[in-house]
N, C-alpha and C. Protein backbone atom coordinates (compact mmCIF):
# COMPACT_ATOMS: atom_id res chain seq x y z
N MET A 1 58.90 67.75 -41.05
CA MET A 1 57.67 67.76 -41.82
C MET A 1 56.53 67.10 -41.04
N ARG A 2 56.83 66.05 -40.24
CA ARG A 2 55.79 65.35 -39.50
C ARG A 2 55.08 66.27 -38.52
N ALA A 3 55.80 67.25 -37.96
CA ALA A 3 55.20 68.16 -36.99
C ALA A 3 54.15 69.05 -37.66
N ARG A 4 54.25 69.28 -38.95
CA ARG A 4 53.30 70.14 -39.68
C ARG A 4 52.01 69.40 -40.05
N VAL A 5 52.02 68.07 -40.03
CA VAL A 5 50.85 67.31 -40.47
C VAL A 5 49.61 67.66 -39.64
N PRO A 6 49.66 67.68 -38.30
CA PRO A 6 48.46 68.06 -37.55
C PRO A 6 47.98 69.47 -37.86
N VAL A 7 48.92 70.38 -38.09
CA VAL A 7 48.56 71.76 -38.43
C VAL A 7 47.85 71.78 -39.78
N MET A 8 48.37 71.03 -40.73
CA MET A 8 47.76 70.98 -42.06
C MET A 8 46.37 70.34 -42.00
N VAL A 9 46.22 69.32 -41.18
CA VAL A 9 44.91 68.68 -41.04
C VAL A 9 43.90 69.65 -40.43
N ALA A 10 44.32 70.35 -39.40
CA ALA A 10 43.42 71.33 -38.76
C ALA A 10 43.06 72.44 -39.74
N ARG A 11 44.05 72.92 -40.51
CA ARG A 11 43.77 73.95 -41.51
C ARG A 11 42.79 73.42 -42.56
N ALA A 12 42.98 72.17 -42.96
CA ALA A 12 42.08 71.57 -43.97
C ALA A 12 40.65 71.46 -43.45
N VAL A 13 40.49 71.08 -42.20
CA VAL A 13 39.15 70.94 -41.63
C VAL A 13 38.46 72.30 -41.55
N VAL A 14 39.15 73.29 -40.99
CA VAL A 14 38.55 74.62 -40.86
C VAL A 14 38.28 75.20 -42.25
N SER A 15 39.20 75.04 -43.18
CA SER A 15 38.99 75.54 -44.54
C SER A 15 37.80 74.87 -45.20
N ALA A 16 37.66 73.56 -45.01
CA ALA A 16 36.53 72.84 -45.61
C ALA A 16 35.20 73.34 -45.03
N VAL A 17 35.17 73.60 -43.74
CA VAL A 17 33.95 74.13 -43.12
C VAL A 17 33.64 75.51 -43.70
N LEU A 18 34.65 76.35 -43.85
CA LEU A 18 34.43 77.69 -44.43
C LEU A 18 33.90 77.59 -45.85
N VAL A 19 34.48 76.71 -46.65
CA VAL A 19 34.03 76.56 -48.03
C VAL A 19 32.60 76.01 -48.07
N GLY A 20 32.33 74.99 -47.26
CA GLY A 20 30.98 74.43 -47.23
C GLY A 20 29.94 75.46 -46.81
N ALA A 21 30.27 76.24 -45.79
CA ALA A 21 29.34 77.28 -45.33
C ALA A 21 29.15 78.33 -46.41
N ALA A 22 30.23 78.73 -47.06
CA ALA A 22 30.13 79.76 -48.10
C ALA A 22 29.27 79.29 -49.26
N LEU A 23 29.46 78.06 -49.69
CA LEU A 23 28.70 77.56 -50.83
C LEU A 23 27.20 77.48 -50.54
N THR A 24 26.84 77.08 -49.32
CA THR A 24 25.41 77.03 -49.00
C THR A 24 24.82 78.43 -48.91
N LYS A 25 25.60 79.38 -48.42
CA LYS A 25 25.13 80.77 -48.34
C LYS A 25 24.99 81.38 -49.73
N LEU A 26 25.93 81.08 -50.61
CA LEU A 26 25.86 81.60 -51.98
C LEU A 26 24.70 80.98 -52.76
N ALA A 27 24.34 79.76 -52.40
CA ALA A 27 23.23 79.09 -53.09
C ALA A 27 21.89 79.74 -52.80
N ASP A 28 21.76 80.38 -51.64
CA ASP A 28 20.49 81.01 -51.26
C ASP A 28 20.76 82.29 -50.48
N PRO A 29 21.18 83.35 -51.18
CA PRO A 29 21.52 84.60 -50.48
C PRO A 29 20.33 85.22 -49.75
N ALA A 30 19.13 85.04 -50.28
CA ALA A 30 17.95 85.60 -49.60
C ALA A 30 17.75 84.94 -48.24
N GLU A 31 17.93 83.64 -48.17
CA GLU A 31 17.80 82.94 -46.90
C GLU A 31 18.91 83.36 -45.94
N PHE A 32 20.13 83.54 -46.45
CA PHE A 32 21.21 83.97 -45.58
C PHE A 32 20.95 85.38 -45.05
N THR A 33 20.42 86.25 -45.89
CA THR A 33 20.05 87.60 -45.44
C THR A 33 19.03 87.51 -44.32
N ALA A 34 18.01 86.67 -44.51
CA ALA A 34 16.98 86.50 -43.48
C ALA A 34 17.58 85.93 -42.19
N ALA A 35 18.52 85.00 -42.33
CA ALA A 35 19.17 84.42 -41.15
C ALA A 35 19.92 85.50 -40.37
N ILE A 36 20.63 86.37 -41.07
CA ILE A 36 21.35 87.46 -40.40
C ILE A 36 20.36 88.39 -39.71
N GLU A 37 19.26 88.70 -40.38
CA GLU A 37 18.26 89.59 -39.79
C GLU A 37 17.64 89.00 -38.52
N ARG A 38 17.51 87.68 -38.45
CA ARG A 38 16.92 87.04 -37.27
C ARG A 38 17.78 87.23 -36.01
N TYR A 39 19.04 87.53 -36.19
CA TYR A 39 19.91 87.79 -35.04
C TYR A 39 19.60 89.13 -34.37
N ARG A 40 18.96 90.02 -35.11
CA ARG A 40 18.59 91.35 -34.61
C ARG A 40 19.80 92.14 -34.08
N LEU A 41 20.88 92.07 -34.82
CA LEU A 41 22.10 92.80 -34.43
C LEU A 41 22.40 93.96 -35.35
N VAL A 42 21.94 93.88 -36.59
CA VAL A 42 22.25 94.92 -37.57
C VAL A 42 20.99 95.28 -38.35
N PRO A 43 20.95 96.48 -38.92
CA PRO A 43 19.80 96.86 -39.74
C PRO A 43 19.74 96.01 -41.03
N PRO A 44 18.57 95.93 -41.65
CA PRO A 44 18.42 95.11 -42.86
C PRO A 44 19.43 95.41 -43.97
N VAL A 45 19.76 96.68 -44.17
CA VAL A 45 20.72 97.01 -45.24
C VAL A 45 22.09 96.40 -44.94
N VAL A 46 22.49 96.38 -43.69
CA VAL A 46 23.77 95.76 -43.31
C VAL A 46 23.68 94.25 -43.45
N ALA A 47 22.54 93.68 -43.08
CA ALA A 47 22.35 92.23 -43.24
C ALA A 47 22.46 91.84 -44.71
N GLY A 48 21.86 92.65 -45.59
CA GLY A 48 21.94 92.36 -47.02
C GLY A 48 23.37 92.44 -47.54
N ALA A 49 24.11 93.44 -47.10
CA ALA A 49 25.50 93.58 -47.52
C ALA A 49 26.35 92.42 -46.98
N ALA A 50 26.13 92.08 -45.74
CA ALA A 50 26.87 90.96 -45.14
C ALA A 50 26.57 89.66 -45.88
N ALA A 51 25.31 89.46 -46.26
CA ALA A 51 24.94 88.24 -46.97
C ALA A 51 25.63 88.15 -48.33
N LEU A 52 25.93 89.30 -48.91
CA LEU A 52 26.63 89.30 -50.20
C LEU A 52 28.13 89.07 -50.04
N TYR A 53 28.72 89.64 -48.99
CA TYR A 53 30.17 89.63 -48.88
C TYR A 53 30.75 88.52 -47.99
N VAL A 54 30.06 88.13 -46.95
CA VAL A 54 30.62 87.13 -46.02
C VAL A 54 30.95 85.81 -46.71
N PRO A 55 30.08 85.26 -47.56
CA PRO A 55 30.45 83.99 -48.21
C PRO A 55 31.71 84.11 -49.07
N TRP A 56 31.85 85.22 -49.77
CA TRP A 56 33.05 85.41 -50.59
C TRP A 56 34.29 85.57 -49.71
N LEU A 57 34.13 86.25 -48.59
CA LEU A 57 35.24 86.39 -47.64
C LEU A 57 35.65 85.01 -47.12
N GLU A 58 34.67 84.18 -46.80
CA GLU A 58 34.98 82.82 -46.34
C GLU A 58 35.76 82.05 -47.39
N LEU A 59 35.34 82.14 -48.64
CA LEU A 59 36.04 81.43 -49.72
C LEU A 59 37.46 81.96 -49.92
N VAL A 60 37.60 83.27 -49.95
CA VAL A 60 38.93 83.86 -50.16
C VAL A 60 39.87 83.50 -49.02
N LEU A 61 39.37 83.59 -47.79
CA LEU A 61 40.23 83.26 -46.64
C LEU A 61 40.61 81.78 -46.64
N ALA A 62 39.67 80.91 -46.97
CA ALA A 62 39.97 79.47 -47.01
C ALA A 62 41.07 79.18 -48.03
N ALA A 63 41.03 79.86 -49.17
CA ALA A 63 42.06 79.66 -50.20
C ALA A 63 43.38 80.32 -49.80
N ALA A 64 43.30 81.55 -49.31
CA ALA A 64 44.52 82.30 -48.96
C ALA A 64 45.29 81.62 -47.84
N TRP A 65 44.59 80.92 -46.98
CA TRP A 65 45.23 80.25 -45.85
C TRP A 65 46.21 79.17 -46.30
N TRP A 66 46.09 78.74 -47.54
CA TRP A 66 46.98 77.71 -48.08
C TRP A 66 48.17 78.29 -48.82
N ARG A 67 48.18 79.60 -49.04
CA ARG A 67 49.29 80.25 -49.71
C ARG A 67 50.33 80.66 -48.67
N THR A 68 51.53 80.20 -48.81
CA THR A 68 52.58 80.49 -47.84
C THR A 68 52.71 81.98 -47.58
N ARG A 69 52.66 82.76 -48.61
CA ARG A 69 52.85 84.21 -48.49
C ARG A 69 51.75 84.87 -47.64
N TRP A 70 50.53 84.35 -47.71
CA TRP A 70 49.38 84.97 -47.04
C TRP A 70 48.91 84.20 -45.81
N ARG A 71 49.59 83.12 -45.50
CA ARG A 71 49.12 82.18 -44.48
C ARG A 71 48.86 82.83 -43.12
N THR A 72 49.79 83.59 -42.61
CA THR A 72 49.63 84.17 -41.27
C THR A 72 48.51 85.20 -41.25
N ALA A 73 48.47 86.08 -42.24
CA ALA A 73 47.41 87.10 -42.29
C ALA A 73 46.04 86.45 -42.47
N ALA A 74 45.96 85.47 -43.37
CA ALA A 74 44.68 84.79 -43.59
C ALA A 74 44.23 84.06 -42.33
N GLY A 75 45.16 83.43 -41.64
CA GLY A 75 44.82 82.74 -40.40
C GLY A 75 44.29 83.68 -39.34
N LEU A 76 44.90 84.84 -39.24
CA LEU A 76 44.42 85.84 -38.29
C LEU A 76 43.00 86.29 -38.66
N LEU A 77 42.75 86.53 -39.93
CA LEU A 77 41.42 86.96 -40.37
C LEU A 77 40.38 85.85 -40.20
N VAL A 78 40.78 84.60 -40.39
CA VAL A 78 39.87 83.48 -40.11
C VAL A 78 39.48 83.51 -38.63
N CYS A 79 40.46 83.73 -37.76
CA CYS A 79 40.17 83.82 -36.32
C CYS A 79 39.24 84.98 -36.01
N VAL A 80 39.47 86.13 -36.61
CA VAL A 80 38.61 87.29 -36.39
C VAL A 80 37.19 86.98 -36.85
N LEU A 81 37.05 86.38 -38.02
CA LEU A 81 35.73 86.01 -38.54
C LEU A 81 35.02 85.05 -37.59
N LEU A 82 35.75 84.08 -37.08
CA LEU A 82 35.14 83.12 -36.15
C LEU A 82 34.79 83.77 -34.82
N VAL A 83 35.57 84.74 -34.37
CA VAL A 83 35.21 85.48 -33.14
C VAL A 83 33.89 86.22 -33.36
N VAL A 84 33.73 86.82 -34.53
CA VAL A 84 32.47 87.51 -34.83
C VAL A 84 31.32 86.51 -34.83
N PHE A 85 31.52 85.34 -35.43
CA PHE A 85 30.47 84.32 -35.45
C PHE A 85 30.13 83.86 -34.03
N VAL A 86 31.15 83.61 -33.22
CA VAL A 86 30.94 83.18 -31.83
C VAL A 86 30.16 84.25 -31.07
N ALA A 87 30.56 85.50 -31.23
CA ALA A 87 29.89 86.60 -30.52
C ALA A 87 28.43 86.72 -30.94
N ALA A 88 28.16 86.61 -32.24
CA ALA A 88 26.78 86.73 -32.73
C ALA A 88 25.91 85.60 -32.20
N VAL A 89 26.42 84.38 -32.27
CA VAL A 89 25.64 83.23 -31.80
C VAL A 89 25.45 83.31 -30.29
N ALA A 90 26.49 83.64 -29.55
CA ALA A 90 26.38 83.75 -28.09
C ALA A 90 25.39 84.84 -27.70
N SER A 91 25.41 85.95 -28.43
CA SER A 91 24.48 87.05 -28.16
C SER A 91 23.04 86.61 -28.39
N ALA A 92 22.81 85.93 -29.49
CA ALA A 92 21.44 85.47 -29.79
C ALA A 92 20.96 84.48 -28.74
N TRP A 93 21.83 83.58 -28.35
CA TRP A 93 21.46 82.58 -27.35
C TRP A 93 21.20 83.25 -26.00
N ALA A 94 22.06 84.20 -25.62
CA ALA A 94 21.90 84.91 -24.34
C ALA A 94 20.61 85.72 -24.31
N ARG A 95 20.18 86.20 -25.48
CA ARG A 95 18.94 86.98 -25.54
C ARG A 95 17.71 86.08 -25.70
N GLY A 96 17.91 84.78 -25.69
CA GLY A 96 16.79 83.85 -25.75
C GLY A 96 16.14 83.73 -27.11
N LEU A 97 16.84 84.10 -28.16
CA LEU A 97 16.27 83.98 -29.50
C LEU A 97 16.17 82.50 -29.88
N ASP A 98 15.07 82.12 -30.46
CA ASP A 98 14.85 80.74 -30.89
C ASP A 98 15.03 80.68 -32.41
N ILE A 99 16.30 80.70 -32.84
CA ILE A 99 16.62 80.72 -34.26
C ILE A 99 17.67 79.65 -34.55
N ASP A 100 17.77 79.29 -35.82
CA ASP A 100 18.88 78.46 -36.26
C ASP A 100 20.06 79.38 -36.52
N CYS A 101 21.25 78.81 -36.57
CA CYS A 101 22.44 79.65 -36.69
C CYS A 101 22.56 80.35 -38.04
N GLY A 102 22.06 79.76 -39.12
CA GLY A 102 22.21 80.36 -40.44
C GLY A 102 23.53 80.06 -41.10
N CYS A 103 24.29 79.15 -40.53
CA CYS A 103 25.64 78.87 -41.01
C CYS A 103 25.69 78.05 -42.30
N PHE A 104 24.79 77.09 -42.43
CA PHE A 104 24.86 76.15 -43.55
C PHE A 104 23.55 76.00 -44.30
N GLY A 105 22.72 77.02 -44.32
CA GLY A 105 21.44 76.92 -44.99
C GLY A 105 20.43 76.17 -44.13
N LYS A 106 19.20 76.17 -44.57
CA LYS A 106 18.12 75.58 -43.78
C LYS A 106 18.31 74.10 -43.50
N ALA A 107 18.77 73.35 -44.47
CA ALA A 107 18.85 71.90 -44.34
C ALA A 107 19.86 71.45 -43.28
N LEU A 108 20.94 72.18 -43.12
CA LEU A 108 22.00 71.73 -42.21
C LEU A 108 22.20 72.63 -41.00
N ASP A 109 21.31 73.57 -40.79
CA ASP A 109 21.49 74.49 -39.68
C ASP A 109 21.39 73.79 -38.33
N ALA A 110 22.04 74.38 -37.36
CA ALA A 110 22.08 73.83 -36.02
C ALA A 110 21.44 74.79 -35.03
N SER A 111 21.09 74.26 -33.89
CA SER A 111 20.60 75.10 -32.81
C SER A 111 21.73 76.03 -32.36
N LEU A 112 21.37 77.08 -31.65
CA LEU A 112 22.39 78.03 -31.20
C LEU A 112 23.45 77.39 -30.29
N PRO A 113 23.06 76.57 -29.29
CA PRO A 113 24.11 75.96 -28.46
C PRO A 113 25.07 75.09 -29.27
N LEU A 114 24.54 74.30 -30.20
CA LEU A 114 25.40 73.46 -31.02
C LEU A 114 26.28 74.31 -31.93
N ALA A 115 25.71 75.35 -32.52
CA ALA A 115 26.49 76.25 -33.38
C ALA A 115 27.58 76.95 -32.58
N LEU A 116 27.25 77.35 -31.36
CA LEU A 116 28.25 78.01 -30.52
C LEU A 116 29.40 77.05 -30.22
N ALA A 117 29.08 75.84 -29.83
CA ALA A 117 30.12 74.84 -29.54
C ALA A 117 30.98 74.59 -30.78
N ARG A 118 30.34 74.41 -31.92
CA ARG A 118 31.08 74.15 -33.16
C ARG A 118 32.00 75.32 -33.48
N ASN A 119 31.50 76.55 -33.37
CA ASN A 119 32.31 77.71 -33.70
C ASN A 119 33.46 77.93 -32.72
N VAL A 120 33.25 77.59 -31.46
CA VAL A 120 34.33 77.70 -30.47
C VAL A 120 35.43 76.69 -30.80
N VAL A 121 35.05 75.47 -31.17
CA VAL A 121 36.04 74.45 -31.54
C VAL A 121 36.78 74.88 -32.80
N LEU A 122 36.06 75.41 -33.79
CA LEU A 122 36.71 75.89 -35.01
C LEU A 122 37.65 77.04 -34.70
N LEU A 123 37.23 77.94 -33.83
CA LEU A 123 38.09 79.06 -33.44
C LEU A 123 39.35 78.57 -32.74
N ALA A 124 39.20 77.62 -31.85
CA ALA A 124 40.38 77.07 -31.16
C ALA A 124 41.34 76.43 -32.16
N ALA A 125 40.80 75.68 -33.11
CA ALA A 125 41.65 75.04 -34.12
C ALA A 125 42.33 76.10 -35.00
N ALA A 126 41.57 77.09 -35.41
CA ALA A 126 42.13 78.15 -36.26
C ALA A 126 43.21 78.93 -35.52
N ALA A 127 42.97 79.22 -34.25
CA ALA A 127 43.96 79.96 -33.46
C ALA A 127 45.24 79.13 -33.29
N TRP A 128 45.08 77.84 -33.09
CA TRP A 128 46.24 76.96 -32.95
C TRP A 128 47.04 76.94 -34.25
N VAL A 129 46.35 76.82 -35.38
CA VAL A 129 47.03 76.81 -36.68
C VAL A 129 47.72 78.16 -36.91
N TRP A 130 47.00 79.25 -36.63
CA TRP A 130 47.58 80.58 -36.83
C TRP A 130 48.85 80.75 -35.99
N ARG A 131 48.77 80.32 -34.75
CA ARG A 131 49.95 80.44 -33.86
C ARG A 131 51.12 79.61 -34.38
N ALA A 132 50.84 78.40 -34.84
CA ALA A 132 51.89 77.55 -35.40
C ALA A 132 52.48 78.18 -36.66
N ASP A 133 51.62 78.74 -37.50
CA ASP A 133 52.10 79.39 -38.71
C ASP A 133 52.97 80.61 -38.38
N ALA A 134 52.51 81.41 -37.42
CA ALA A 134 53.25 82.62 -37.02
C ALA A 134 54.62 82.26 -36.44
N ALA A 135 54.69 81.12 -35.77
CA ALA A 135 55.95 80.68 -35.17
C ALA A 135 56.82 79.96 -36.18
N GLY A 136 56.28 79.69 -37.38
CA GLY A 136 57.05 79.01 -38.42
C GLY A 136 57.18 77.53 -38.21
N LYS A 137 56.27 76.95 -37.44
CA LYS A 137 56.34 75.51 -37.17
C LYS A 137 55.53 74.72 -38.15
């Protein structure tokens, strides 16, 4: 059981970040839509749809990750979601966009380099947890 404690702590941290991000996005969907549009990666209609569905996906995945039956699949989807976030932030930074990440609403948003670093760390933690879960450790 002691070997699972670090995995559970990492899962709790990543899940808490997902829930926190989702709640701030749900509190102001118009701002989240605008944040997605500032990335200039998708048309406005896609940004609007993403703003409606991404926060709920974050909440569902954070909860599902704690269910033994769904743990491995949810962990994989958390990793995929974080890869998308990393790619979007890296793309915006590489294109020289001067925007906030849009991750936690206006009050808590970070610069692109900080958001990229945070998302890479979260991705590494999520991948480690997913691998441990898949191996049954």
